[in-house]
């Protein structure tokens, strides 16, 4: 009997029973466990490349969004990226972008209105330009964000500031433009919705400003300047003043009652 036979048989059994990578294979492949899967060096390198690429893309996206926000360029972003940008920035950034766009488009036209006899640019042209911003402003007000209504409201008043050239009243022809009603309805809607949301702001100051504008525009020939908006603000001011009067009256009543109780206590002490 060949004494080496059992040894060979044992070696064969041992090699057959061996499961998993050998130590050499482990060193060579540096197998790693990733979510229960075994990966070799090449696969691990591919994963690391993907991770690094993802980190790089996130950093570039964050930098891009910051740039868009700083420069007020949300409205210039392509439609397929705008939703992503807005989800990160919210209504303030979009409002900033629209405000920038208003100024860019309106400034040249506004300046030309000073010399309307030569340029032909009148208040109707200014209002016609600004009216295109009313729908985006309404869209901002409907965003699900706590600042949406306030930002839309501020933006509506910004659009109003470009609506006509008040400094040219001595020679710029005026009249109720066909777009004035659209602006009035938007501002009134925003006032009502802000009231329902419990917002407080400088109602009286804004009402006084609109009343002054209405007087000036009446002198120019426009009799109905933001009538509904002024009525809505006036109602807010009156309601606020009434609440203050009620609060003051209640405070006076409490003070009188307290004074009466104090007098009663003093009288009781003197009886003893």
Protein backbone atom coordinates (compact mmCIF):
# COMPACT_ATOMS: atom_id res chain seq x y z
CA UNK A 1 0.00 0.00 0.00
CA UNK A 2 1.30 3.34 -1.00
CA UNK A 3 1.70 5.42 2.16
CA UNK A 4 1.17 8.64 0.24
CA UNK A 5 -2.28 7.69 -1.03
CA UNK A 6 -4.24 8.69 2.08
CA UNK A 7 -2.40 11.95 2.14
CA UNK A 8 -3.38 12.72 -1.45
CA UNK A 9 -6.94 11.69 -0.75
CA UNK A 10 -7.09 13.94 2.30
CA UNK A 11 -5.66 16.82 0.28
CA UNK A 12 -8.29 16.31 -2.42
CA UNK A 13 -11.07 16.22 0.16
CA UNK A 14 -9.65 19.33 1.82
CA UNK A 15 -9.48 21.23 -1.47
CA UNK A 16 -13.00 20.11 -2.41
CA UNK A 17 -14.42 21.16 0.95
CA UNK A 18 -12.79 24.59 0.89
CA UNK A 19 -15.48 27.29 0.66
CA UNK A 20 -14.98 31.00 0.01
CA UNK A 21 -11.85 32.83 -1.08
CA UNK A 22 -8.41 31.72 0.01
CA UNK A 23 -6.20 34.11 1.98
CA UNK A 24 -4.35 34.88 -1.25
CA UNK A 25 -7.61 35.64 -3.03
CA UNK A 26 -8.65 37.89 -0.17
CA UNK A 27 -5.45 39.87 -0.37
CA UNK A 28 -5.60 40.05 -4.12
CA UNK A 29 -9.24 41.08 -4.46
CA UNK A 30 -9.65 42.90 -1.12
CA UNK A 31 -13.22 41.80 -1.00
CA UNK A 32 -15.53 44.18 0.83
CA UNK A 33 -19.07 43.78 2.00
CA UNK A 34 -21.42 46.41 0.59
CA UNK A 35 -25.09 45.88 1.43
CA UNK A 36 -24.51 42.15 1.56
CA UNK A 37 -22.70 41.95 -1.80
CA UNK A 38 -19.09 41.01 -2.33
CA UNK A 39 -17.17 43.39 -4.58
CA UNK A 40 -13.63 43.24 -5.88
CA UNK A 41 -11.09 46.02 -6.34
CA UNK A 42 -12.36 47.13 -9.74
CA UNK A 43 -15.96 47.21 -8.54
CA UNK A 44 -14.98 49.10 -5.40
CA UNK A 45 -13.13 51.68 -7.48
CA UNK A 46 -16.22 52.17 -9.65
CA UNK A 47 -18.37 52.69 -6.55
CA UNK A 48 -15.91 55.20 -5.11
CA UNK A 49 -15.88 57.05 -8.43
CA UNK A 50 -19.67 57.22 -8.40
CA UNK A 51 -19.72 58.47 -4.81
CA UNK A 52 -17.12 61.13 -5.58
CA UNK A 53 -19.01 62.16 -8.69
CA UNK A 54 -22.25 62.43 -6.68
CA UNK A 55 -20.56 64.60 -4.04
CA UNK A 56 -19.09 66.79 -6.75
CA UNK A 57 -22.46 67.19 -8.49
CA UNK A 58 -24.15 68.13 -5.21
CA UNK A 59 -21.48 70.76 -4.54
CA UNK A 60 -21.85 72.18 -8.05
CA UNK A 61 -25.64 72.24 -7.73
CA UNK A 62 -25.42 74.08 -4.39
CA UNK A 63 -23.00 76.60 -5.93
CA UNK A 64 -25.28 77.06 -8.94
CA UNK A 65 -28.35 77.63 -6.75
CA UNK A 66 -26.48 80.18 -4.61
CA UNK A 67 -25.43 82.04 -7.76
CA UNK A 68 -28.99 82.04 -9.12
CA UNK A 69 -30.29 83.33 -5.79
CA UNK A 70 -27.65 86.05 -5.39
CA UNK A 71 -28.15 87.37 -8.91
CA UNK A 72 -31.95 87.06 -8.91
CA UNK A 73 -31.96 84.77 -11.94
CA UNK A 74 -34.61 82.19 -11.03
CA UNK A 75 -36.84 83.27 -13.90
CA UNK A 76 -33.95 82.78 -16.32
CA UNK A 77 -33.36 79.15 -15.33
CA UNK A 78 -34.58 76.54 -17.81
CA UNK A 79 -37.98 75.05 -17.03
CA UNK A 80 -36.60 71.58 -16.24
CA UNK A 81 -34.36 73.04 -13.50
CA UNK A 82 -36.67 75.75 -12.17
CA UNK A 83 -38.76 73.42 -10.01
CA UNK A 84 -35.60 72.04 -8.39
CA UNK A 85 -34.20 75.52 -7.75
CA UNK A 86 -37.47 76.78 -6.30
CA UNK A 87 -37.76 73.75 -4.02
CA UNK A 88 -34.44 74.78 -2.47
CA UNK A 89 -34.95 78.55 -2.40
CA UNK A 90 -38.66 79.28 -1.98
CA UNK A 91 -40.74 82.36 -2.88
CA UNK A 92 -38.25 85.01 -1.73
CA UNK A 93 -35.76 84.08 -4.41
CA UNK A 94 -38.40 83.99 -7.13
CA UNK A 95 -39.72 87.37 -5.98
CA UNK A 96 -36.21 88.80 -6.11
CA UNK A 97 -35.79 87.48 -9.64
CA UNK A 98 -39.10 88.93 -10.81
CA UNK A 99 -38.30 92.27 -9.19
CA UNK A 100 -34.99 92.35 -11.05
CA UNK A 101 -36.73 91.50 -14.31
CA UNK A 102 -39.32 94.24 -13.76
CA UNK A 103 -36.61 96.85 -13.30
CA UNK A 104 -34.64 95.61 -16.31
CA UNK A 105 -37.63 95.79 -18.64
CA UNK A 106 -39.40 98.84 -17.22
CA UNK A 107 -36.50 101.25 -16.64
CA UNK A 108 -35.81 102.05 -20.32
CA UNK A 109 -39.52 102.49 -21.04
CA UNK A 110 -40.01 104.59 -17.91
CA UNK A 111 -37.19 106.91 -18.92
CA UNK A 112 -38.63 107.29 -22.41
CA UNK A 113 -41.98 108.33 -20.94
CA UNK A 114 -40.42 111.60 -19.74
CA UNK A 115 -40.21 112.69 -23.37
CA UNK A 116 -43.38 111.03 -24.61
CA UNK A 117 -43.95 113.62 -27.35
CA UNK A 118 -40.79 112.39 -29.01
CA UNK A 119 -40.83 108.71 -27.98
CA UNK A 120 -44.59 108.11 -27.93
CA UNK A 121 -44.30 106.13 -24.67
CA UNK A 122 -47.20 106.77 -22.27
CA UNK A 123 -48.58 105.31 -19.06
CA UNK A 124 -50.61 102.83 -21.08
CA UNK A 125 -47.35 101.35 -22.35
CA UNK A 126 -45.94 101.07 -18.83
CA UNK A 127 -49.09 99.37 -17.54
CA UNK A 128 -49.15 97.06 -20.55
CA UNK A 129 -45.61 95.93 -19.75
CA UNK A 130 -46.24 95.38 -16.04
CA UNK A 131 -49.48 93.46 -16.47
CA UNK A 132 -47.56 90.41 -17.70
CA UNK A 133 -46.09 90.04 -14.20
CA UNK A 134 -49.47 89.74 -12.45
CA UNK A 135 -49.94 86.05 -13.22
CA UNK A 136 -46.46 85.07 -11.90
CA UNK A 137 -47.16 87.13 -8.77
CA UNK A 138 -50.40 85.22 -8.24
CA UNK A 139 -48.47 81.96 -8.70
CA UNK A 140 -46.02 82.99 -5.97
CA UNK A 141 -48.92 83.70 -3.61
CA UNK A 142 -50.14 80.12 -4.09
CA UNK A 143 -46.83 78.48 -3.20
CA UNK A 144 -46.94 76.32 -0.06
CA UNK A 145 -44.59 78.47 1.98
CA UNK A 146 -45.11 80.75 4.97
CA UNK A 147 -43.57 83.72 3.14
CA UNK A 148 -45.47 83.26 -0.12
CA UNK A 149 -48.36 85.68 0.50
CA UNK A 150 -46.17 88.42 1.91
CA UNK A 151 -43.65 88.17 -0.94
CA UNK A 152 -46.42 88.24 -3.55
CA UNK A 153 -47.99 91.27 -1.86
CA UNK A 154 -44.71 93.19 -1.85
CA UNK A 155 -44.13 92.24 -5.47
CA UNK A 156 -47.59 93.49 -6.49
CA UNK A 157 -46.77 96.89 -4.99
CA UNK A 158 -43.43 96.80 -6.79
CA UNK A 159 -45.27 96.27 -10.07
CA UNK A 160 -47.54 99.19 -9.14
CA UNK A 161 -44.52 101.45 -8.73
CA UNK A 162 -43.66 100.89 -12.42
CA UNK A 163 -47.30 101.15 -13.55
CA UNK A 164 -47.21 104.86 -14.41
CA UNK A 165 -44.85 107.82 -14.37
CA UNK A 166 -46.19 110.22 -11.75
CA UNK A 167 -43.34 112.69 -12.23
CA UNK A 168 -44.53 113.43 -15.74
CA UNK A 169 -48.03 114.55 -14.72
CA UNK A 170 -47.59 118.01 -16.24
CA UNK A 171 -47.41 116.68 -19.79
CA UNK A 172 -47.99 112.93 -19.84
CA UNK A 173 -51.52 112.07 -21.01
CA UNK A 174 -53.38 109.69 -18.78
CA UNK A 175 -56.64 107.85 -18.52
CA UNK A 176 -57.88 104.64 -16.95
CA UNK A 177 -55.75 102.00 -18.64
CA UNK A 178 -57.41 98.71 -19.48
CA UNK A 179 -55.02 96.93 -17.12
CA UNK A 180 -55.66 99.00 -13.97
CA UNK A 181 -58.58 96.76 -12.96
CA UNK A 182 -56.41 93.64 -13.14
CA UNK A 183 -53.87 95.17 -10.76
CA UNK A 184 -56.65 96.32 -8.43
CA UNK A 185 -58.18 92.84 -8.29
CA UNK A 186 -54.84 91.18 -7.58
CA UNK A 187 -53.91 93.53 -4.73
CA UNK A 188 -57.41 93.25 -3.23
CA UNK A 189 -57.21 89.46 -3.34
CA UNK A 190 -53.82 89.49 -1.62
CA UNK A 191 -55.08 91.88 1.07
CA UNK A 192 -58.06 89.62 1.82
CA UNK A 193 -55.94 86.47 1.91
CA UNK A 194 -53.32 88.06 4.16
CA UNK A 195 -56.08 89.16 6.51
CA UNK A 196 -57.48 85.61 6.62
CA UNK A 197 -53.98 84.31 7.32
CA UNK A 198 -53.69 86.64 10.31
CA UNK A 199 -50.98 88.87 8.85
CA UNK A 200 -50.40 92.36 10.20
CA UNK A 201 -48.56 95.12 8.37
CA UNK A 202 -48.59 98.90 7.87
CA UNK A 203 -52.17 99.15 6.59
CA UNK A 204 -52.61 102.83 7.40
CA UNK A 205 -49.36 103.93 5.74
CA UNK A 206 -50.18 102.00 2.57
CA UNK A 207 -53.73 103.36 2.53
CA UNK A 208 -52.44 106.93 2.85
CA UNK A 209 -50.01 106.33 -0.01
CA UNK A 210 -52.72 104.89 -2.27
CA UNK A 211 -55.09 107.74 -1.41
CA UNK A 212 -52.40 110.28 -2.36
CA UNK A 213 -51.77 108.44 -5.63
CA UNK A 214 -55.51 108.35 -6.35
CA UNK A 215 -55.74 112.12 -5.86
CA UNK A 216 -52.80 112.77 -8.17
CA UNK A 217 -54.14 110.41 -10.81
CA UNK A 218 -57.57 111.99 -10.57
CA UNK A 219 -55.91 115.28 -11.47
CA UNK A 220 -54.42 113.47 -14.48
CA UNK A 221 -57.80 112.10 -15.55
CA UNK A 222 -57.91 108.70 -13.86
CA UNK A 223 -60.89 108.70 -11.51
CA UNK A 224 -60.77 105.06 -10.42
CA UNK A 225 -57.28 104.18 -9.20
CA UNK A 226 -57.20 100.91 -7.19
CA UNK A 227 -60.64 101.55 -5.73
CA UNK A 228 -61.16 98.03 -4.34
CA UNK A 229 -57.66 97.89 -2.87
CA UNK A 230 -58.18 101.19 -1.07
CA UNK A 231 -61.54 100.02 0.27
CA UNK A 232 -60.00 96.78 1.55
CA UNK A 233 -57.18 98.63 3.31
CA UNK A 234 -59.63 101.17 4.74
CA UNK A 235 -61.73 98.34 6.19
CA UNK A 236 -58.61 96.88 7.82
CA UNK A 237 -57.67 100.23 9.35
CA UNK A 238 -61.19 100.82 10.66
CA UNK A 239 -61.36 97.31 12.10
CA UNK A 240 -57.99 97.74 13.78
CA UNK A 241 -58.99 101.11 15.26
CA UNK A 242 -62.28 99.65 16.51
CA UNK A 243 -60.43 96.79 18.19
CA UNK A 244 -58.09 99.25 19.86
CA UNK A 245 -61.02 101.33 21.10
CA UNK A 246 -62.71 98.22 22.50
CA UNK A 247 -59.49 97.19 24.20
CA UNK A 248 -59.04 100.68 25.66
CA UNK A 249 -62.65 100.74 26.86
CA UNK A 250 -62.25 97.34 28.47
CA UNK A 251 -59.07 98.54 30.16
CA UNK A 252 -60.86 101.62 31.49
CA UNK A 253 -63.69 99.48 32.86
CA UNK A 254 -61.25 97.19 34.63
CA UNK A 255 -59.42 100.19 36.08
CA UNK A 256 -62.67 101.71 37.40
CA UNK A 257 -63.70 98.39 38.94
CA UNK A 258 -60.30 98.01 40.56
CA UNK A 259 -60.52 101.54 41.92
CA UNK A 260 -63.97 100.83 43.34
CA UNK A 261 -62.77 97.68 45.06
CA UNK A 262 -59.83 99.59 46.50
CA UNK A 263 -62.17 102.25 47.91
CA UNK A 264 -64.39 99.52 49.37
CA UNK A 265 -61.42 97.88 51.07
CA UNK A 266 -60.34 101.22 52.53
CA UNK A 267 -63.85 101.88 53.84
CA UNK A 268 -64.03 98.43 55.44
CA UNK A 269 -60.72 98.92 57.21
CA UNK A 270 -61.85 102.28 58.61
CA UNK A 271 -64.98 100.65 60.08
CA UNK A 272 -62.81 98.45 62.22
